[in-house]
Each structure stands twice: as C-alpha cells, then as structure tokens.
N, C-alpha and C. Protein backbone atom coordinates (compact mmCIF):
# COMPACT_ATOMS: atom_id res chain seq x y z
N MET A 1 43.02 -88.32 25.44
CA MET A 1 44.29 -88.79 25.94
C MET A 1 45.42 -88.14 25.14
N PRO A 2 46.44 -87.61 25.79
CA PRO A 2 47.55 -86.97 25.09
C PRO A 2 48.33 -87.96 24.25
N PHE A 3 48.96 -87.44 23.22
CA PHE A 3 49.82 -88.23 22.35
C PHE A 3 51.02 -88.71 23.16
N GLN A 4 51.45 -89.96 22.97
CA GLN A 4 52.44 -90.55 23.87
C GLN A 4 53.78 -90.96 23.24
N ASP A 5 53.99 -90.77 21.95
CA ASP A 5 55.25 -91.20 21.32
C ASP A 5 56.36 -90.24 21.75
N LEU A 6 57.07 -90.60 22.82
CA LEU A 6 58.08 -89.69 23.39
C LEU A 6 59.23 -89.40 22.43
N SER A 7 59.59 -90.33 21.60
CA SER A 7 60.67 -90.10 20.63
C SER A 7 60.28 -89.00 19.65
N LEU A 8 59.08 -89.09 19.11
CA LEU A 8 58.58 -88.07 18.19
C LEU A 8 58.44 -86.73 18.91
N ILE A 9 57.88 -86.75 20.09
CA ILE A 9 57.71 -85.52 20.88
C ILE A 9 59.07 -84.87 21.13
N ASP A 10 60.06 -85.65 21.54
CA ASP A 10 61.38 -85.09 21.84
C ASP A 10 62.07 -84.57 20.58
N ASP A 11 61.88 -85.23 19.44
CA ASP A 11 62.44 -84.75 18.17
C ASP A 11 61.84 -83.39 17.79
N ILE A 12 60.53 -83.26 17.94
CA ILE A 12 59.86 -82.00 17.62
C ILE A 12 60.30 -80.90 18.58
N ARG A 13 60.42 -81.22 19.85
CA ARG A 13 60.90 -80.24 20.83
C ARG A 13 62.31 -79.78 20.51
N ALA A 14 63.18 -80.72 20.14
CA ALA A 14 64.56 -80.38 19.79
C ALA A 14 64.60 -79.48 18.55
N ALA A 15 63.79 -79.82 17.55
CA ALA A 15 63.73 -78.99 16.33
C ALA A 15 63.19 -77.60 16.65
N SER A 16 62.21 -77.53 17.54
CA SER A 16 61.63 -76.24 17.92
C SER A 16 62.68 -75.38 18.63
N ARG A 17 63.45 -75.99 19.53
CA ARG A 17 64.50 -75.23 20.23
C ARG A 17 65.55 -74.73 19.25
N LEU A 18 65.94 -75.58 18.31
CA LEU A 18 66.92 -75.18 17.31
C LEU A 18 66.39 -74.03 16.46
N MET A 19 65.12 -74.11 16.06
CA MET A 19 64.53 -73.03 15.27
C MET A 19 64.53 -71.72 16.05
N VAL A 20 64.17 -71.77 17.31
CA VAL A 20 64.16 -70.57 18.15
C VAL A 20 65.55 -69.94 18.18
N ARG A 21 66.57 -70.78 18.37
CA ARG A 21 67.94 -70.26 18.40
C ARG A 21 68.36 -69.71 17.04
N GLU A 22 68.08 -70.46 15.98
CA GLU A 22 68.50 -70.03 14.64
C GLU A 22 67.77 -68.77 14.19
N LEU A 23 66.55 -68.59 14.64
CA LEU A 23 65.81 -67.37 14.31
C LEU A 23 66.23 -66.18 15.17
N GLY A 24 67.09 -66.43 16.14
CA GLY A 24 67.65 -65.33 16.94
C GLY A 24 66.87 -64.95 18.17
N PHE A 25 65.91 -65.77 18.58
CA PHE A 25 65.07 -65.39 19.71
C PHE A 25 65.73 -65.57 21.07
N MET A 26 66.92 -66.13 21.10
CA MET A 26 67.64 -66.23 22.38
C MET A 26 68.53 -65.01 22.60
N GLU A 27 68.65 -64.18 21.57
CA GLU A 27 69.48 -62.99 21.67
C GLU A 27 68.71 -61.88 22.38
N GLN A 28 69.44 -60.90 22.86
CA GLN A 28 68.84 -59.78 23.58
C GLN A 28 67.91 -58.98 22.67
N THR A 29 68.33 -58.82 21.41
CA THR A 29 67.52 -58.11 20.43
C THR A 29 67.31 -59.03 19.23
N VAL A 30 66.32 -58.71 18.40
CA VAL A 30 65.91 -59.63 17.34
C VAL A 30 65.83 -58.92 15.99
N ALA A 31 66.11 -59.68 14.95
CA ALA A 31 65.88 -59.25 13.56
C ALA A 31 66.62 -57.96 13.21
N ALA A 32 67.87 -57.87 13.66
CA ALA A 32 68.72 -56.71 13.35
C ALA A 32 68.10 -55.40 13.84
N THR A 33 67.38 -55.47 14.95
CA THR A 33 66.82 -54.27 15.57
C THR A 33 67.46 -54.12 16.95
N ASP A 34 67.11 -53.06 17.62
CA ASP A 34 67.53 -52.87 19.01
C ASP A 34 66.43 -53.30 19.97
N TYR A 35 65.45 -54.05 19.49
CA TYR A 35 64.28 -54.39 20.28
C TYR A 35 64.26 -55.86 20.69
N PRO A 36 63.66 -56.13 21.85
CA PRO A 36 63.47 -57.52 22.27
C PRO A 36 62.36 -58.18 21.44
N PRO A 37 62.27 -59.51 21.51
CA PRO A 37 61.27 -60.23 20.71
C PRO A 37 59.84 -59.71 20.87
N SER A 38 59.42 -59.37 22.08
CA SER A 38 58.04 -58.91 22.28
C SER A 38 57.77 -57.61 21.53
N ALA A 39 58.74 -56.72 21.47
CA ALA A 39 58.57 -55.46 20.74
C ALA A 39 58.53 -55.71 19.24
N VAL A 40 59.39 -56.60 18.76
CA VAL A 40 59.40 -56.95 17.33
C VAL A 40 58.04 -57.55 16.95
N HIS A 41 57.54 -58.45 17.77
CA HIS A 41 56.24 -59.06 17.48
C HIS A 41 55.11 -58.03 17.54
N THR A 42 55.21 -57.07 18.43
CA THR A 42 54.21 -56.00 18.50
C THR A 42 54.17 -55.21 17.20
N ILE A 43 55.33 -54.81 16.72
CA ILE A 43 55.39 -54.06 15.46
C ILE A 43 54.84 -54.91 14.32
N LEU A 44 55.21 -56.18 14.27
CA LEU A 44 54.70 -57.07 13.21
C LEU A 44 53.19 -57.24 13.29
N GLU A 45 52.66 -57.45 14.49
CA GLU A 45 51.21 -57.67 14.64
C GLU A 45 50.42 -56.42 14.27
N ILE A 46 50.84 -55.27 14.73
CA ILE A 46 50.13 -54.03 14.39
C ILE A 46 50.28 -53.74 12.90
N GLY A 47 51.46 -54.03 12.36
CA GLY A 47 51.67 -53.82 10.93
C GLY A 47 50.82 -54.74 10.08
N THR A 48 50.56 -55.93 10.56
CA THR A 48 49.77 -56.91 9.82
C THR A 48 48.26 -56.69 10.02
N SER A 49 47.87 -56.44 11.27
CA SER A 49 46.44 -56.37 11.62
C SER A 49 45.86 -54.98 11.55
N GLY A 50 46.69 -53.97 11.62
CA GLY A 50 46.19 -52.61 11.75
C GLY A 50 46.13 -52.26 13.23
N PRO A 51 45.53 -51.13 13.57
CA PRO A 51 45.51 -50.68 14.96
C PRO A 51 44.97 -51.75 15.92
N LEU A 52 45.67 -51.88 17.05
CA LEU A 52 45.29 -52.82 18.11
C LEU A 52 45.41 -52.11 19.45
N THR A 53 44.61 -52.53 20.40
CA THR A 53 44.75 -52.00 21.76
C THR A 53 45.78 -52.83 22.52
N SER A 54 46.22 -52.30 23.65
CA SER A 54 47.16 -53.06 24.49
C SER A 54 46.54 -54.38 24.95
N ALA A 55 45.26 -54.37 25.25
CA ALA A 55 44.58 -55.60 25.68
C ALA A 55 44.58 -56.63 24.55
N GLU A 56 44.33 -56.19 23.33
CA GLU A 56 44.36 -57.11 22.19
C GLU A 56 45.77 -57.67 22.00
N LEU A 57 46.79 -56.81 22.12
CA LEU A 57 48.18 -57.26 22.01
C LEU A 57 48.51 -58.29 23.08
N SER A 58 48.04 -58.04 24.28
CA SER A 58 48.27 -58.96 25.38
C SER A 58 47.72 -60.34 25.05
N ASP A 59 46.53 -60.39 24.48
CA ASP A 59 45.93 -61.67 24.08
C ASP A 59 46.70 -62.32 22.94
N ILE A 60 47.04 -61.55 21.93
CA ILE A 60 47.74 -62.09 20.76
C ILE A 60 49.12 -62.62 21.13
N LEU A 61 49.85 -61.85 21.93
CA LEU A 61 51.24 -62.19 22.26
C LEU A 61 51.36 -63.10 23.49
N HIS A 62 50.24 -63.34 24.16
CA HIS A 62 50.25 -64.16 25.38
C HIS A 62 51.20 -63.58 26.43
N LEU A 63 51.07 -62.27 26.64
CA LEU A 63 51.89 -61.57 27.63
C LEU A 63 51.00 -60.89 28.65
N GLU A 64 51.52 -60.71 29.84
CA GLU A 64 50.80 -59.99 30.90
C GLU A 64 50.51 -58.56 30.43
N LYS A 65 49.35 -58.05 30.82
CA LYS A 65 48.98 -56.69 30.44
C LYS A 65 50.00 -55.66 30.91
N SER A 66 50.58 -55.86 32.09
CA SER A 66 51.56 -54.90 32.60
C SER A 66 52.83 -54.92 31.75
N SER A 67 53.24 -56.09 31.28
CA SER A 67 54.43 -56.20 30.41
C SER A 67 54.16 -55.51 29.08
N VAL A 68 52.98 -55.72 28.53
CA VAL A 68 52.62 -55.09 27.26
C VAL A 68 52.57 -53.58 27.44
N SER A 69 52.02 -53.12 28.53
CA SER A 69 51.92 -51.69 28.78
C SER A 69 53.31 -51.03 28.82
N ARG A 70 54.25 -51.66 29.52
CA ARG A 70 55.62 -51.11 29.58
C ARG A 70 56.27 -51.12 28.20
N MET A 71 56.12 -52.22 27.49
CA MET A 71 56.72 -52.33 26.17
C MET A 71 56.12 -51.32 25.20
N VAL A 72 54.80 -51.14 25.24
CA VAL A 72 54.14 -50.17 24.37
C VAL A 72 54.63 -48.76 24.67
N ARG A 73 54.77 -48.43 25.96
CA ARG A 73 55.28 -47.10 26.34
C ARG A 73 56.66 -46.86 25.72
N LYS A 74 57.52 -47.88 25.79
CA LYS A 74 58.87 -47.74 25.21
C LYS A 74 58.81 -47.55 23.70
N LEU A 75 57.93 -48.30 23.04
CA LEU A 75 57.81 -48.15 21.58
C LEU A 75 57.23 -46.80 21.19
N ILE A 76 56.36 -46.26 22.02
CA ILE A 76 55.85 -44.90 21.77
C ILE A 76 56.97 -43.89 21.97
N GLU A 77 57.74 -44.05 23.06
CA GLU A 77 58.87 -43.14 23.32
C GLU A 77 59.91 -43.20 22.21
N CYS A 78 60.10 -44.38 21.62
CA CYS A 78 61.08 -44.55 20.53
C CYS A 78 60.53 -44.05 19.19
N GLY A 79 59.26 -43.69 19.16
CA GLY A 79 58.67 -43.17 17.93
C GLY A 79 58.16 -44.23 16.97
N GLU A 80 58.04 -45.48 17.43
CA GLU A 80 57.56 -46.57 16.57
C GLU A 80 56.04 -46.65 16.53
N LEU A 81 55.39 -46.35 17.65
CA LEU A 81 53.94 -46.45 17.77
C LEU A 81 53.34 -45.11 18.16
N LYS A 82 52.07 -44.94 17.83
CA LYS A 82 51.31 -43.81 18.34
C LYS A 82 49.99 -44.34 18.88
N GLU A 83 49.51 -43.66 19.90
CA GLU A 83 48.27 -44.05 20.56
C GLU A 83 47.23 -42.99 20.23
N THR A 84 46.05 -43.44 19.83
CA THR A 84 44.95 -42.52 19.57
C THR A 84 43.80 -42.87 20.51
N VAL A 85 42.80 -42.05 20.52
CA VAL A 85 41.61 -42.30 21.35
C VAL A 85 40.45 -42.62 20.43
N ASP A 86 39.76 -43.69 20.74
CA ASP A 86 38.60 -44.10 19.96
C ASP A 86 37.53 -43.00 20.01
N ALA A 87 36.95 -42.67 18.87
CA ALA A 87 35.95 -41.61 18.80
C ALA A 87 34.70 -41.93 19.61
N ASP A 88 34.35 -43.20 19.71
CA ASP A 88 33.13 -43.60 20.41
C ASP A 88 33.34 -43.89 21.89
N ASP A 89 34.56 -44.28 22.27
CA ASP A 89 34.82 -44.67 23.65
C ASP A 89 36.25 -44.25 24.02
N ALA A 90 36.36 -43.20 24.83
CA ALA A 90 37.67 -42.63 25.18
C ALA A 90 38.55 -43.60 25.96
N ARG A 91 37.96 -44.66 26.51
CA ARG A 91 38.76 -45.66 27.24
C ARG A 91 39.56 -46.54 26.29
N ILE A 92 39.13 -46.62 25.04
CA ILE A 92 39.79 -47.46 24.05
C ILE A 92 40.85 -46.62 23.33
N LYS A 93 42.09 -47.12 23.38
CA LYS A 93 43.22 -46.38 22.79
C LYS A 93 43.98 -47.26 21.81
N PRO A 94 43.52 -47.26 20.56
CA PRO A 94 44.20 -48.08 19.55
C PRO A 94 45.64 -47.61 19.32
N LEU A 95 46.51 -48.56 19.08
CA LEU A 95 47.91 -48.30 18.78
C LEU A 95 48.14 -48.56 17.30
N SER A 96 48.87 -47.67 16.66
CA SER A 96 49.20 -47.86 15.25
C SER A 96 50.66 -47.48 15.04
N LEU A 97 51.17 -47.87 13.89
CA LEU A 97 52.56 -47.58 13.57
C LEU A 97 52.70 -46.13 13.10
N THR A 98 53.79 -45.50 13.50
CA THR A 98 54.16 -44.20 12.97
C THR A 98 54.90 -44.42 11.66
N ALA A 99 55.35 -43.35 11.02
CA ALA A 99 56.18 -43.49 9.82
C ALA A 99 57.44 -44.28 10.16
N LYS A 100 58.05 -44.00 11.30
CA LYS A 100 59.24 -44.75 11.72
C LYS A 100 58.88 -46.22 11.94
N GLY A 101 57.73 -46.47 12.55
CA GLY A 101 57.27 -47.84 12.77
C GLY A 101 57.06 -48.59 11.47
N ARG A 102 56.54 -47.90 10.46
CA ARG A 102 56.35 -48.54 9.15
C ARG A 102 57.70 -48.85 8.50
N ARG A 103 58.69 -47.98 8.68
CA ARG A 103 60.04 -48.27 8.17
C ARG A 103 60.64 -49.47 8.90
N THR A 104 60.45 -49.52 10.22
CA THR A 104 60.94 -50.66 11.00
C THR A 104 60.24 -51.93 10.56
N LEU A 105 58.94 -51.88 10.35
CA LEU A 105 58.18 -53.03 9.87
C LEU A 105 58.74 -53.52 8.54
N SER A 106 59.00 -52.61 7.63
CA SER A 106 59.56 -52.99 6.34
C SER A 106 60.92 -53.66 6.51
N ALA A 107 61.75 -53.13 7.39
CA ALA A 107 63.06 -53.72 7.65
C ALA A 107 62.92 -55.11 8.27
N LEU A 108 61.94 -55.27 9.16
CA LEU A 108 61.69 -56.58 9.78
C LEU A 108 61.27 -57.60 8.73
N HIS A 109 60.37 -57.19 7.83
CA HIS A 109 59.94 -58.09 6.76
C HIS A 109 61.11 -58.45 5.85
N ASP A 110 61.92 -57.47 5.50
CA ASP A 110 63.09 -57.73 4.65
C ASP A 110 64.03 -58.73 5.33
N PHE A 111 64.32 -58.50 6.60
CA PHE A 111 65.21 -59.38 7.35
C PHE A 111 64.65 -60.80 7.41
N GLY A 112 63.40 -60.92 7.79
CA GLY A 112 62.76 -62.23 7.92
C GLY A 112 62.68 -62.96 6.59
N ARG A 113 62.35 -62.23 5.54
CA ARG A 113 62.25 -62.87 4.22
C ARG A 113 63.61 -63.36 3.75
N ARG A 114 64.67 -62.58 3.99
CA ARG A 114 66.02 -63.04 3.62
C ARG A 114 66.39 -64.30 4.40
N GLN A 115 66.08 -64.30 5.69
CA GLN A 115 66.41 -65.43 6.54
C GLN A 115 65.70 -66.70 6.06
N VAL A 116 64.41 -66.61 5.81
CA VAL A 116 63.63 -67.76 5.36
C VAL A 116 64.03 -68.16 3.94
N SER A 117 64.24 -67.17 3.07
CA SER A 117 64.63 -67.45 1.70
C SER A 117 65.95 -68.22 1.65
N GLY A 118 66.90 -67.83 2.50
CA GLY A 118 68.18 -68.52 2.55
C GLY A 118 68.03 -69.98 2.94
N ALA A 119 67.15 -70.24 3.88
CA ALA A 119 66.91 -71.63 4.29
C ALA A 119 66.17 -72.40 3.21
N LEU A 120 65.14 -71.80 2.63
CA LEU A 120 64.34 -72.48 1.62
C LEU A 120 65.12 -72.77 0.34
N ALA A 121 66.12 -71.95 0.06
CA ALA A 121 66.94 -72.14 -1.14
C ALA A 121 67.67 -73.48 -1.11
N ARG A 122 67.85 -74.04 0.08
CA ARG A 122 68.56 -75.31 0.24
C ARG A 122 67.62 -76.52 0.12
N LEU A 123 66.34 -76.27 -0.13
CA LEU A 123 65.34 -77.34 -0.19
C LEU A 123 64.76 -77.45 -1.59
N SER A 124 64.23 -78.62 -1.88
CA SER A 124 63.50 -78.80 -3.14
C SER A 124 62.13 -78.14 -3.00
N GLU A 125 61.46 -77.98 -4.14
CA GLU A 125 60.11 -77.38 -4.13
C GLU A 125 59.17 -78.22 -3.26
N ALA A 126 59.25 -79.52 -3.36
CA ALA A 126 58.39 -80.39 -2.56
C ALA A 126 58.69 -80.22 -1.07
N GLU A 127 59.96 -80.14 -0.72
CA GLU A 127 60.34 -79.95 0.69
C GLU A 127 59.85 -78.60 1.22
N ARG A 128 59.90 -77.58 0.36
CA ARG A 128 59.41 -76.24 0.77
C ARG A 128 57.93 -76.31 1.13
N ARG A 129 57.15 -77.00 0.32
CA ARG A 129 55.71 -77.14 0.60
C ARG A 129 55.48 -77.93 1.89
N VAL A 130 56.28 -78.98 2.09
CA VAL A 130 56.17 -79.78 3.31
C VAL A 130 56.46 -78.91 4.53
N VAL A 131 57.50 -78.09 4.45
CA VAL A 131 57.85 -77.21 5.57
C VAL A 131 56.71 -76.23 5.84
N ARG A 132 56.24 -75.55 4.79
CA ARG A 132 55.13 -74.60 4.97
C ARG A 132 53.90 -75.27 5.55
N ASP A 133 53.48 -76.36 4.93
CA ASP A 133 52.27 -77.04 5.39
C ASP A 133 52.44 -77.57 6.81
N GLY A 134 53.58 -78.19 7.08
CA GLY A 134 53.82 -78.75 8.41
C GLY A 134 53.83 -77.68 9.48
N LEU A 135 54.51 -76.56 9.22
CA LEU A 135 54.54 -75.48 10.23
C LEU A 135 53.15 -74.90 10.46
N MET A 136 52.40 -74.72 9.39
CA MET A 136 51.05 -74.16 9.55
C MET A 136 50.15 -75.11 10.34
N ILE A 137 50.22 -76.38 10.03
CA ILE A 137 49.42 -77.38 10.75
C ILE A 137 49.83 -77.43 12.22
N TYR A 138 51.13 -77.47 12.46
CA TYR A 138 51.64 -77.55 13.84
C TYR A 138 51.27 -76.30 14.64
N ALA A 139 51.41 -75.12 14.03
CA ALA A 139 51.05 -73.87 14.73
C ALA A 139 49.56 -73.86 15.09
N ARG A 140 48.71 -74.30 14.16
CA ARG A 140 47.26 -74.36 14.46
C ARG A 140 46.98 -75.34 15.59
N ALA A 141 47.68 -76.47 15.58
CA ALA A 141 47.47 -77.48 16.63
C ALA A 141 47.95 -76.95 17.99
N LEU A 142 49.07 -76.24 18.02
CA LEU A 142 49.54 -75.65 19.28
C LEU A 142 48.51 -74.66 19.82
N LYS A 143 47.97 -73.82 18.92
CA LYS A 143 46.96 -72.84 19.36
C LYS A 143 45.71 -73.54 19.86
N ALA A 144 45.26 -74.56 19.15
CA ALA A 144 44.06 -75.29 19.57
C ALA A 144 44.29 -75.95 20.92
N SER A 145 45.47 -76.50 21.14
CA SER A 145 45.79 -77.12 22.42
C SER A 145 45.78 -76.09 23.55
N ARG A 146 46.36 -74.93 23.27
CA ARG A 146 46.37 -73.85 24.26
C ARG A 146 44.94 -73.37 24.56
N ASP A 147 44.14 -73.23 23.51
CA ASP A 147 42.75 -72.82 23.69
C ASP A 147 41.99 -73.84 24.53
N ASP A 148 42.21 -75.13 24.26
CA ASP A 148 41.56 -76.20 25.03
C ASP A 148 41.98 -76.13 26.50
N ASP A 149 43.28 -75.91 26.75
CA ASP A 149 43.78 -75.80 28.12
C ASP A 149 43.14 -74.62 28.84
N ALA A 150 43.03 -73.48 28.15
CA ALA A 150 42.42 -72.29 28.75
C ALA A 150 40.95 -72.54 29.07
N GLU A 151 40.25 -73.20 28.15
CA GLU A 151 38.83 -73.50 28.37
C GLU A 151 38.66 -74.45 29.56
N LEU A 152 39.51 -75.44 29.66
CA LEU A 152 39.44 -76.39 30.77
C LEU A 152 39.68 -75.68 32.10
N LYS A 153 40.65 -74.78 32.12
CA LYS A 153 40.92 -74.03 33.35
C LYS A 153 39.74 -73.15 33.73
N LEU A 154 39.11 -72.53 32.73
CA LEU A 154 37.94 -71.70 33.02
C LEU A 154 36.80 -72.54 33.58
N ARG A 155 36.60 -73.71 33.01
CA ARG A 155 35.54 -74.59 33.51
C ARG A 155 35.81 -75.07 34.93
N ASN A 156 37.09 -75.19 35.26
CA ASN A 156 37.47 -75.63 36.61
C ASN A 156 37.61 -74.46 37.59
N GLY A 157 37.22 -73.25 37.13
CA GLY A 157 37.24 -72.09 38.02
C GLY A 157 38.60 -71.49 38.25
N GLN A 158 39.56 -71.81 37.39
CA GLN A 158 40.89 -71.23 37.54
C GLN A 158 41.03 -70.00 36.67
N SER A 159 42.08 -69.26 36.92
CA SER A 159 42.37 -68.05 36.16
C SER A 159 42.59 -68.39 34.70
N GLN A 160 42.25 -67.44 33.81
CA GLN A 160 42.48 -67.64 32.40
C GLN A 160 43.96 -67.46 32.05
N ASP A 161 44.74 -66.79 32.88
CA ASP A 161 46.15 -66.60 32.61
C ASP A 161 46.86 -67.93 32.70
N ILE A 162 47.50 -68.31 31.60
CA ILE A 162 48.16 -69.60 31.53
C ILE A 162 49.65 -69.38 31.58
C-alpha cells in the first residue's frame, strides 16, 4: 500500500521543485554551459562511469533512445564526445569524452561543487550529514519505486518505457 501522509508528500514535492529550480534545471542551459540538462548529465555520466553506449545512456538517463541519439550526435559535433567501435562487436559503439569533454566535465564539477559548498556552508556539520544521508536514502527509494513500477508493468505485459 502506498504511503498516505499527504502533508509530508506535498512538503517533499515542494522541496523537490524548489531544488530543481535552485539547481538551474528549469533554465534552457545548465551549470554555466551552453548545454541542456540531458547533455550535462551525459557528460557527467560518461565522465564518472567511463565509456558508455547510447543504449546504456538511455537507461541511465531515462530518456528515449531517439532523444539520446540526437543529443549524442550534437555532443560529438561540438567536440565533447567521441564514438569508437568495440573490437569484438562492431555494432557496439562506446562513447567517451574528448579532451574538450574532459575540460567541460571539470568545469561542471567545479560549478556543482561551488553551488553545493555555498549551500552547505550555511548548515551545521550535523545538518550537512542529515542532508547527505537524507538525499541518498530518498534517491535510492525513488529508484527502487521506479524499478518496482517497471517490473509490475512488465509482468502485466506492458511496455518497459515508463
């Protein structure tokens, strides 16, 4: 049975919306770049995980494969990403960061760290741990809920695209 405390649910939703706005995700471009949020997240994910395919990015970012394909093409054209061919299977084309992509990744990390550091500076050490722990727990719970929804849809014969 789903959790039913509407006051708590609405408070969390309001805080989530405020965080999205304060982090700049409602803007056309994000993190002092010329890129939309999906492109910024692509650079961050490849920078963190190493080479990824478009299909893997689609799964990680929860985006349609066609949207990821267009976005990846633009990032390749901009010189942020390069596509290689897997030595064992030519159908697999891992994407990795170029030198420019690594500079962009570094700038993204610098921007994000300054943004978070500025907010955390206003909190006590105990509050900082509460924020970190709470966000990590909440993010895991959101993912688990999404995974459960996807599994339920698969069992009911519906598409995996949510």
